[in-house]
Amino acid sequence: MKKLLVLVLLCACLIGLTGCRKKVEPVDVVYGNMKTYFEMADGTWNFEGNTYKYRLEITGRMNNAEKDSTFVYLSNLEEITFDQAWKAAGFSSISTDYFDVKDAVLVEMK
């Protein structure tokens, strides 16, 4: 009888923990010039169901360019260099230069 009671209490606790989790709601919709994404209430960013810790604006000048370019990435990487950013934006023919969607996604180019 005690085993049954412990099992029932354990199940109730597990159901309570998963059912009480608060859903994070968007506070802003951002219509980027490439993709639409969301700023969430907890300070994260969301694109197509993937959550990112950072929104990075990476500015620099590509070789032989007349002006600077800015790439906006949603990222779980704390830092992305300009060299990584422009290559992953579609300017590299090497597949290893591109980010996995769970690591970073390009949402805007300026």
N, C-alpha and C. Protein backbone atom coordinates (compact mmCIF):
# COMPACT_ATOMS: atom_id res chain seq x y z
N MET A 1 0.81 -1.19 0.00
CA MET A 1 0.00 0.00 0.00
C MET A 1 0.87 1.27 0.00
N LYS A 2 1.96 1.26 0.78
CA LYS A 2 2.85 2.42 0.82
C LYS A 2 3.50 2.65 -0.54
N LYS A 3 3.86 1.56 -1.22
CA LYS A 3 4.49 1.70 -2.55
C LYS A 3 3.53 2.37 -3.52
N LEU A 4 2.26 1.99 -3.47
CA LEU A 4 1.26 2.58 -4.35
C LEU A 4 1.08 4.07 -4.06
N LEU A 5 1.05 4.42 -2.77
CA LEU A 5 0.91 5.82 -2.38
C LEU A 5 2.10 6.64 -2.85
N VAL A 6 3.32 6.11 -2.69
CA VAL A 6 4.52 6.81 -3.14
C VAL A 6 4.50 6.97 -4.65
N LEU A 7 4.08 5.95 -5.37
CA LEU A 7 4.01 6.01 -6.84
C LEU A 7 3.00 7.07 -7.28
N VAL A 8 1.85 7.12 -6.64
CA VAL A 8 0.83 8.11 -6.99
C VAL A 8 1.35 9.52 -6.71
N LEU A 9 1.99 9.73 -5.57
CA LEU A 9 2.54 11.05 -5.25
C LEU A 9 3.64 11.46 -6.22
N LEU A 10 4.48 10.52 -6.59
CA LEU A 10 5.55 10.81 -7.55
C LEU A 10 4.97 11.21 -8.90
N CYS A 11 3.97 10.48 -9.36
CA CYS A 11 3.33 10.82 -10.64
C CYS A 11 2.67 12.20 -10.58
N ALA A 12 2.01 12.49 -9.45
CA ALA A 12 1.36 13.79 -9.30
C ALA A 12 2.38 14.92 -9.33
N CYS A 13 3.54 14.70 -8.70
CA CYS A 13 4.60 15.71 -8.72
C CYS A 13 5.13 15.93 -10.13
N LEU A 14 5.37 14.85 -10.85
CA LEU A 14 5.88 14.97 -12.22
C LEU A 14 4.89 15.67 -13.13
N ILE A 15 3.61 15.33 -13.00
CA ILE A 15 2.58 15.99 -13.81
C ILE A 15 2.50 17.46 -13.43
N GLY A 16 2.59 17.76 -12.15
CA GLY A 16 2.54 19.15 -11.69
C GLY A 16 3.70 19.97 -12.20
N LEU A 17 4.89 19.38 -12.23
CA LEU A 17 6.06 20.12 -12.70
C LEU A 17 5.98 20.43 -14.18
N THR A 18 5.53 19.48 -14.98
CA THR A 18 5.46 19.73 -16.42
C THR A 18 4.28 20.60 -16.79
N GLY A 19 3.20 20.52 -16.03
CA GLY A 19 2.02 21.32 -16.33
C GLY A 19 2.13 22.76 -15.88
N CYS A 20 3.00 23.05 -14.94
CA CYS A 20 3.12 24.40 -14.38
C CYS A 20 4.14 25.27 -15.11
N ARG A 21 4.83 24.71 -16.06
CA ARG A 21 5.84 25.46 -16.78
C ARG A 21 5.18 26.60 -17.55
N LYS A 22 5.67 27.81 -17.34
CA LYS A 22 5.09 28.97 -18.02
C LYS A 22 5.58 29.03 -19.45
N LYS A 23 4.67 29.34 -20.34
CA LYS A 23 5.01 29.50 -21.74
C LYS A 23 5.51 30.93 -21.95
N VAL A 24 6.65 31.07 -22.59
CA VAL A 24 7.21 32.39 -22.86
C VAL A 24 6.51 32.97 -24.08
N GLU A 25 5.99 34.16 -23.91
CA GLU A 25 5.24 34.83 -24.97
C GLU A 25 6.10 35.85 -25.70
N PRO A 26 5.83 36.08 -26.98
CA PRO A 26 6.55 37.13 -27.71
C PRO A 26 6.12 38.52 -27.23
N VAL A 27 7.09 39.43 -27.18
CA VAL A 27 6.78 40.82 -26.84
C VAL A 27 6.88 41.72 -28.07
N ASP A 28 7.51 41.20 -29.13
CA ASP A 28 7.65 42.00 -30.35
C ASP A 28 7.86 41.09 -31.55
N VAL A 29 7.26 41.46 -32.65
CA VAL A 29 7.49 40.79 -33.93
C VAL A 29 8.42 41.68 -34.73
N VAL A 30 9.51 41.11 -35.23
CA VAL A 30 10.47 41.88 -36.01
C VAL A 30 10.39 41.39 -37.46
N TYR A 31 10.05 42.30 -38.35
CA TYR A 31 9.97 41.97 -39.76
C TYR A 31 11.30 42.33 -40.41
N GLY A 32 12.25 41.42 -40.32
CA GLY A 32 13.56 41.64 -40.93
C GLY A 32 13.43 41.63 -42.43
N ASN A 33 14.44 42.12 -43.12
CA ASN A 33 14.36 42.17 -44.58
C ASN A 33 14.59 40.79 -45.22
N MET A 34 14.92 39.79 -44.40
CA MET A 34 15.07 38.42 -44.91
C MET A 34 14.10 37.45 -44.24
N LYS A 35 13.92 37.61 -42.92
CA LYS A 35 13.06 36.69 -42.18
C LYS A 35 12.33 37.46 -41.08
N THR A 36 11.15 36.97 -40.73
CA THR A 36 10.39 37.51 -39.61
C THR A 36 10.72 36.68 -38.38
N TYR A 37 10.99 37.37 -37.26
CA TYR A 37 11.37 36.66 -36.04
C TYR A 37 10.76 37.38 -34.84
N PHE A 38 10.90 36.78 -33.65
CA PHE A 38 10.22 37.28 -32.46
C PHE A 38 11.20 37.55 -31.32
N GLU A 39 10.98 38.66 -30.64
CA GLU A 39 11.66 38.91 -29.37
C GLU A 39 10.74 38.38 -28.29
N MET A 40 11.28 37.55 -27.40
CA MET A 40 10.46 36.90 -26.38
C MET A 40 10.54 37.65 -25.05
N ALA A 41 9.56 37.42 -24.19
CA ALA A 41 9.46 38.11 -22.90
C ALA A 41 10.65 37.81 -21.99
N ASP A 42 11.30 36.67 -22.17
CA ASP A 42 12.44 36.32 -21.31
C ASP A 42 13.77 36.82 -21.86
N GLY A 43 13.74 37.62 -22.93
CA GLY A 43 14.96 38.20 -23.49
C GLY A 43 15.60 37.35 -24.58
N THR A 44 15.01 36.21 -24.90
CA THR A 44 15.54 35.38 -25.98
C THR A 44 14.87 35.80 -27.29
N TRP A 45 15.30 35.16 -28.36
CA TRP A 45 14.77 35.43 -29.70
C TRP A 45 14.29 34.11 -30.28
N ASN A 46 13.26 34.16 -31.14
CA ASN A 46 12.70 32.94 -31.69
C ASN A 46 12.50 33.08 -33.19
N PHE A 47 12.90 32.02 -33.91
CA PHE A 47 12.65 31.94 -35.34
C PHE A 47 12.28 30.50 -35.67
N GLU A 48 11.09 30.32 -36.20
CA GLU A 48 10.58 29.01 -36.62
C GLU A 48 10.77 27.94 -35.55
N GLY A 49 10.43 28.27 -34.31
CA GLY A 49 10.48 27.30 -33.23
C GLY A 49 11.84 27.12 -32.58
N ASN A 50 12.87 27.73 -33.12
CA ASN A 50 14.20 27.67 -32.52
C ASN A 50 14.41 28.89 -31.64
N THR A 51 14.97 28.68 -30.46
CA THR A 51 15.24 29.76 -29.52
C THR A 51 16.72 30.11 -29.53
N TYR A 52 16.99 31.42 -29.56
CA TYR A 52 18.36 31.91 -29.60
C TYR A 52 18.59 32.88 -28.44
N LYS A 53 19.77 32.83 -27.87
CA LYS A 53 20.12 33.69 -26.74
C LYS A 53 20.45 35.12 -27.18
N TYR A 54 21.02 35.27 -28.37
CA TYR A 54 21.57 36.56 -28.78
C TYR A 54 21.03 37.02 -30.14
N ARG A 55 20.97 38.34 -30.29
CA ARG A 55 20.74 38.97 -31.59
C ARG A 55 21.99 39.80 -31.85
N LEU A 56 22.78 39.38 -32.83
CA LEU A 56 24.07 40.02 -33.10
C LEU A 56 24.00 40.84 -34.38
N GLU A 57 24.44 42.10 -34.31
CA GLU A 57 24.62 42.93 -35.50
C GLU A 57 26.11 43.01 -35.74
N ILE A 58 26.55 42.46 -36.87
CA ILE A 58 27.97 42.34 -37.16
C ILE A 58 28.27 43.19 -38.39
N THR A 59 29.10 44.22 -38.20
CA THR A 59 29.39 45.17 -39.27
C THR A 59 30.87 45.13 -39.62
N GLY A 60 31.14 45.24 -40.90
CA GLY A 60 32.51 45.28 -41.40
C GLY A 60 32.49 45.51 -42.90
N ARG A 61 33.67 45.43 -43.50
CA ARG A 61 33.78 45.67 -44.93
C ARG A 61 34.42 44.47 -45.61
N MET A 62 33.72 43.96 -46.62
CA MET A 62 34.24 42.83 -47.39
C MET A 62 35.33 43.34 -48.34
N ASN A 63 36.17 42.44 -48.78
CA ASN A 63 37.26 42.80 -49.70
C ASN A 63 36.73 43.53 -50.93
N ASN A 64 37.35 44.62 -51.28
CA ASN A 64 37.03 45.42 -52.47
C ASN A 64 35.64 46.05 -52.44
N ALA A 65 34.97 46.09 -51.30
CA ALA A 65 33.66 46.71 -51.20
C ALA A 65 33.81 48.21 -50.99
N GLU A 66 32.85 48.99 -51.46
CA GLU A 66 32.88 50.44 -51.31
C GLU A 66 32.37 50.90 -49.96
N LYS A 67 31.51 50.08 -49.33
CA LYS A 67 30.95 50.48 -48.04
C LYS A 67 30.79 49.26 -47.13
N ASP A 68 30.53 49.54 -45.85
CA ASP A 68 30.37 48.48 -44.87
C ASP A 68 29.07 47.71 -45.09
N SER A 69 29.06 46.48 -44.64
CA SER A 69 27.87 45.63 -44.64
C SER A 69 27.58 45.24 -43.20
N THR A 70 26.29 45.07 -42.90
CA THR A 70 25.88 44.61 -41.58
C THR A 70 25.04 43.36 -41.74
N PHE A 71 25.38 42.33 -40.98
CA PHE A 71 24.64 41.08 -40.97
C PHE A 71 24.02 40.93 -39.58
N VAL A 72 22.72 40.64 -39.53
CA VAL A 72 22.04 40.44 -38.25
C VAL A 72 21.74 38.95 -38.12
N TYR A 73 22.28 38.36 -37.08
CA TYR A 73 22.09 36.94 -36.81
C TYR A 73 21.39 36.75 -35.47
N LEU A 74 20.48 35.80 -35.40
CA LEU A 74 20.02 35.27 -34.12
C LEU A 74 20.95 34.11 -33.85
N SER A 75 21.47 34.05 -32.62
CA SER A 75 22.56 33.11 -32.38
C SER A 75 22.56 32.56 -30.96
N ASN A 76 23.04 31.34 -30.84
CA ASN A 76 23.35 30.76 -29.53
C ASN A 76 24.85 30.83 -29.29
N LEU A 77 25.58 31.36 -30.25
CA LEU A 77 27.01 31.61 -30.10
C LEU A 77 27.15 33.05 -29.61
N GLU A 78 27.95 33.25 -28.58
CA GLU A 78 28.07 34.58 -28.00
C GLU A 78 28.74 35.57 -28.95
N GLU A 79 29.60 35.07 -29.82
CA GLU A 79 30.32 35.96 -30.73
C GLU A 79 30.44 35.31 -32.12
N ILE A 80 30.24 36.10 -33.14
CA ILE A 80 30.46 35.70 -34.53
C ILE A 80 31.31 36.78 -35.16
N THR A 81 32.41 36.41 -35.76
CA THR A 81 33.29 37.40 -36.40
C THR A 81 32.67 37.86 -37.72
N PHE A 82 33.13 39.00 -38.21
CA PHE A 82 32.64 39.48 -39.50
C PHE A 82 32.98 38.50 -40.61
N ASP A 83 34.16 37.91 -40.55
CA ASP A 83 34.57 36.93 -41.56
C ASP A 83 33.61 35.73 -41.57
N GLN A 84 33.25 35.24 -40.39
CA GLN A 84 32.28 34.13 -40.31
C GLN A 84 30.91 34.58 -40.83
N ALA A 85 30.52 35.79 -40.48
CA ALA A 85 29.20 36.29 -40.83
C ALA A 85 29.00 36.40 -42.34
N TRP A 86 29.95 37.01 -43.04
CA TRP A 86 29.73 37.18 -44.48
C TRP A 86 29.84 35.86 -45.22
N LYS A 87 30.71 34.98 -44.78
CA LYS A 87 30.81 33.66 -45.44
C LYS A 87 29.52 32.88 -45.27
N ALA A 88 28.98 32.86 -44.03
CA ALA A 88 27.76 32.11 -43.75
C ALA A 88 26.52 32.75 -44.37
N ALA A 89 26.63 34.00 -44.81
CA ALA A 89 25.51 34.70 -45.43
C ALA A 89 25.27 34.26 -46.87
N GLY A 90 26.08 33.34 -47.35
CA GLY A 90 25.88 32.83 -48.70
C GLY A 90 27.01 33.16 -49.65
N PHE A 91 28.07 33.76 -49.13
CA PHE A 91 29.18 34.17 -49.98
C PHE A 91 30.32 33.16 -50.04
N SER A 92 30.16 32.03 -49.37
CA SER A 92 31.20 31.00 -49.38
C SER A 92 30.70 29.77 -50.13
N SER A 93 31.61 29.12 -50.82
CA SER A 93 31.26 27.87 -51.51
C SER A 93 31.65 26.65 -50.67
N ILE A 94 32.14 26.88 -49.46
CA ILE A 94 32.56 25.80 -48.58
C ILE A 94 31.45 25.55 -47.55
N SER A 95 30.89 24.36 -47.54
CA SER A 95 29.74 24.07 -46.69
C SER A 95 30.04 24.20 -45.20
N THR A 96 31.27 24.01 -44.79
CA THR A 96 31.61 24.12 -43.37
C THR A 96 31.62 25.57 -42.89
N ASP A 97 31.52 26.54 -43.79
CA ASP A 97 31.45 27.95 -43.41
C ASP A 97 30.04 28.36 -42.97
N TYR A 98 29.06 27.49 -43.16
CA TYR A 98 27.68 27.82 -42.82
C TYR A 98 27.32 27.32 -41.43
N PHE A 99 26.41 28.03 -40.76
CA PHE A 99 25.99 27.67 -39.41
C PHE A 99 24.86 26.65 -39.44
N ASP A 100 24.85 25.77 -38.46
CA ASP A 100 23.70 24.91 -38.24
C ASP A 100 22.59 25.80 -37.70
N VAL A 101 21.35 25.55 -38.07
CA VAL A 101 20.22 26.41 -37.69
C VAL A 101 20.07 26.49 -36.16
N LYS A 102 20.52 25.52 -35.43
CA LYS A 102 20.44 25.57 -33.97
C LYS A 102 21.49 26.51 -33.38
N ASP A 103 22.56 26.79 -34.14
CA ASP A 103 23.62 27.69 -33.67
C ASP A 103 23.35 29.15 -34.04
N ALA A 104 22.94 29.39 -35.29
CA ALA A 104 22.73 30.77 -35.73
C ALA A 104 21.93 30.77 -37.03
N VAL A 105 21.17 31.85 -37.21
CA VAL A 105 20.38 32.04 -38.44
C VAL A 105 20.46 33.52 -38.84
N LEU A 106 20.69 33.75 -40.12
CA LEU A 106 20.76 35.12 -40.66
C LEU A 106 19.33 35.61 -40.88
N VAL A 107 19.00 36.78 -40.29
CA VAL A 107 17.64 37.33 -40.40
C VAL A 107 17.58 38.65 -41.15
N GLU A 108 18.72 39.38 -41.19
CA GLU A 108 18.74 40.66 -41.90
C GLU A 108 20.13 40.93 -42.47
N MET A 109 20.14 41.63 -43.60
CA MET A 109 21.40 42.14 -44.19
C MET A 109 21.16 43.61 -44.51
N LYS A 110 22.14 44.43 -44.13
CA LYS A 110 22.02 45.88 -44.37
C LYS A 110 23.21 46.35 -45.16
